[in-house]
Amino acid sequence: MATKVFAKGISTFKPREGAPDFVLGQIIINVNKLNEWFQGEGNQYLTTYKDEPQLKLDVTTAKDGGITIAVNTYKKESN
């Protein structure tokens, strides 16, 4: 199994105590850290959709019951 890649500047947290059941958690994006990551390592994970760059992320359940956001690194094999 491939190593998970986490985008710098994206943090996830469990729901706050007393949050309604429909709240799965919280995502905080530090724009400066994320932009810096895109300028370096993160650039290789960008794909294009309708001529616009995008970053695909997978949202999964963490071992501690929270949520995890990881970069989707899947690439189709060339024939």
C-alpha atoms as a PDB file:
ATOM      1  CA  MET A   1       0.000   0.000   0.000  1.00  0.00           C
ATOM      2  CA  ALA A   2       1.311   3.445  -0.896  1.00  0.00           C
ATOM      3  CA  THR A   3       2.260   5.941   1.775  1.00  0.00           C
ATOM      4  CA  LYS A   4      -0.420   8.547   2.438  1.00  0.00           C
ATOM      5  CA  VAL A   5       0.447  12.072   1.374  1.00  0.00           C
ATOM      6  CA  PHE A   6      -0.926  14.960   3.403  1.00  0.00           C
ATOM      7  CA  ALA A   7      -1.111  18.454   1.942  1.00  0.00           C
ATOM      8  CA  LYS A   8       0.647  20.983   4.154  1.00  0.00           C
ATOM      9  CA  GLY A   9      -1.730  23.614   5.455  1.00  0.00           C
ATOM     10  CA  ILE A  10      -4.834  21.390   5.694  1.00  0.00           C
ATOM     11  CA  SER A  11      -5.718  20.272   9.218  1.00  0.00           C
ATOM     12  CA  THR A  12      -8.677  18.211  10.415  1.00  0.00           C
ATOM     13  CA  PHE A  13     -10.219  17.981  13.852  1.00  0.00           C
ATOM     14  CA  LYS A  14     -12.851  15.864  15.570  1.00  0.00           C
ATOM     15  CA  PRO A  15     -16.187  17.549  16.262  1.00  0.00           C
ATOM     16  CA  ARG A  16     -16.180  19.789  19.321  1.00  0.00           C
ATOM     17  CA  GLU A  17     -17.767  18.373  22.456  1.00  0.00           C
ATOM     18  CA  GLY A  18     -21.533  18.806  22.289  1.00  0.00           C
ATOM     19  CA  ALA A  19     -21.606  19.237  18.500  1.00  0.00           C
ATOM     20  CA  PRO A  20     -24.719  17.865  16.752  1.00  0.00           C
ATOM     21  CA  ASP A  21     -24.489  14.308  15.369  1.00  0.00           C
ATOM     22  CA  PHE A  22     -24.408  15.536  11.775  1.00  0.00           C
ATOM     23  CA  VAL A  23     -21.120  17.408  12.363  1.00  0.00           C
ATOM     24  CA  LEU A  24     -18.302  15.077  11.259  1.00  0.00           C
ATOM     25  CA  GLY A  25     -15.443  17.365  12.150  1.00  0.00           C
ATOM     26  CA  GLN A  26     -13.701  20.557  11.171  1.00  0.00           C
ATOM     27  CA  ILE A  27     -11.246  21.367   8.390  1.00  0.00           C
ATOM     28  CA  ILE A  28      -8.933  24.357   8.636  1.00  0.00           C
ATOM     29  CA  ILE A  29      -6.911  25.520   5.632  1.00  0.00           C
ATOM     30  CA  ASN A  30      -3.858  27.704   6.148  1.00  0.00           C
ATOM     31  CA  VAL A  31      -3.685  29.336   2.728  1.00  0.00           C
ATOM     32  CA  ASN A  32      -0.045  30.449   3.038  1.00  0.00           C
ATOM     33  CA  LYS A  33       1.186  26.961   4.009  1.00  0.00           C
ATOM     34  CA  LEU A  34      -0.925  25.331   1.292  1.00  0.00           C
ATOM     35  CA  ASN A  35       0.369  27.732  -1.375  1.00  0.00           C
ATOM     36  CA  GLU A  36       3.949  27.091  -0.246  1.00  0.00           C
ATOM     37  CA  TRP A  37       3.324  23.324  -0.490  1.00  0.00           C
ATOM     38  CA  PHE A  38       1.947  23.760  -4.038  1.00  0.00           C
ATOM     39  CA  GLN A  39       5.118  25.618  -5.020  1.00  0.00           C
ATOM     40  CA  GLY A  40       7.187  22.592  -3.976  1.00  0.00           C
ATOM     41  CA  GLU A  41       6.235  18.960  -3.356  1.00  0.00           C
ATOM     42  CA  GLY A  42       2.506  19.452  -3.825  1.00  0.00           C
ATOM     43  CA  ASN A  43       2.823  20.554  -7.436  1.00  0.00           C
ATOM     44  CA  GLN A  44       3.308  16.950  -8.576  1.00  0.00           C
ATOM     45  CA  TYR A  45      -0.155  16.007  -7.288  1.00  0.00           C
ATOM     46  CA  LEU A  46      -2.077  18.612  -9.267  1.00  0.00           C
ATOM     47  CA  THR A  47      -4.267  17.340 -12.076  1.00  0.00           C
ATOM     48  CA  THR A  48      -6.226  19.298 -14.670  1.00  0.00           C
ATOM     49  CA  TYR A  49      -9.977  19.465 -15.137  1.00  0.00           C
ATOM     50  CA  LYS A  50     -11.491  21.748 -17.786  1.00  0.00           C
ATOM     51  CA  ASP A  51      -8.115  23.467 -18.143  1.00  0.00           C
ATOM     52  CA  GLU A  52      -8.023  24.326 -14.422  1.00  0.00           C
ATOM     53  CA  PRO A  53      -5.575  22.880 -11.876  1.00  0.00           C
ATOM     54  CA  GLN A  54      -7.105  20.816  -9.103  1.00  0.00           C
ATOM     55  CA  LEU A  55      -6.049  18.709  -6.143  1.00  0.00           C
ATOM     56  CA  LYS A  56      -7.957  15.497  -5.468  1.00  0.00           C
ATOM     57  CA  LEU A  57      -8.385  14.658  -1.785  1.00  0.00           C
ATOM     58  CA  ASP A  58      -9.681  11.493  -0.117  1.00  0.00           C
ATOM     59  CA  VAL A  59     -11.761  11.884   3.041  1.00  0.00           C
ATOM     60  CA  THR A  60     -11.567   8.852   5.335  1.00  0.00           C
ATOM     61  CA  THR A  61     -12.280   7.879   8.916  1.00  0.00           C
ATOM     62  CA  ALA A  62      -9.253   8.179  11.197  1.00  0.00           C
ATOM     63  CA  LYS A  63      -8.301   5.510  13.724  1.00  0.00           C
ATOM     64  CA  ASP A  64      -9.341   7.855  16.551  1.00  0.00           C
ATOM     65  CA  GLY A  65     -12.824   8.304  15.058  1.00  0.00           C
ATOM     66  CA  GLY A  66     -12.084  11.691  13.497  1.00  0.00           C
ATOM     67  CA  ILE A  67     -11.591  12.374   9.821  1.00  0.00           C
ATOM     68  CA  THR A  68      -8.501  12.344   7.664  1.00  0.00           C
ATOM     69  CA  ILE A  69      -7.929  14.293   4.456  1.00  0.00           C
ATOM     70  CA  ALA A  70      -5.174  12.801   2.279  1.00  0.00           C
ATOM     71  CA  VAL A  71      -4.032  13.599  -1.243  1.00  0.00           C
ATOM     72  CA  ASN A  72      -5.323  11.165  -3.851  1.00  0.00           C
ATOM     73  CA  THR A  73      -2.082  10.109  -5.560  1.00  0.00           C
ATOM     74  CA  TYR A  74      -3.653   7.617  -7.991  1.00  0.00           C
ATOM     75  CA  LYS A  75      -2.432   7.944 -11.563  1.00  0.00           C
ATOM     76  CA  LYS A  76      -3.715   5.888 -14.490  1.00  0.00           C
ATOM     77  CA  GLU A  77      -1.096   3.648 -15.967  1.00  0.00           C
ATOM     78  CA  SER A  78      -0.062   4.560 -19.494  1.00  0.00           C
ATOM     79  CA  ASN A  79      -0.676   1.860 -22.115  1.00  0.00           C
END
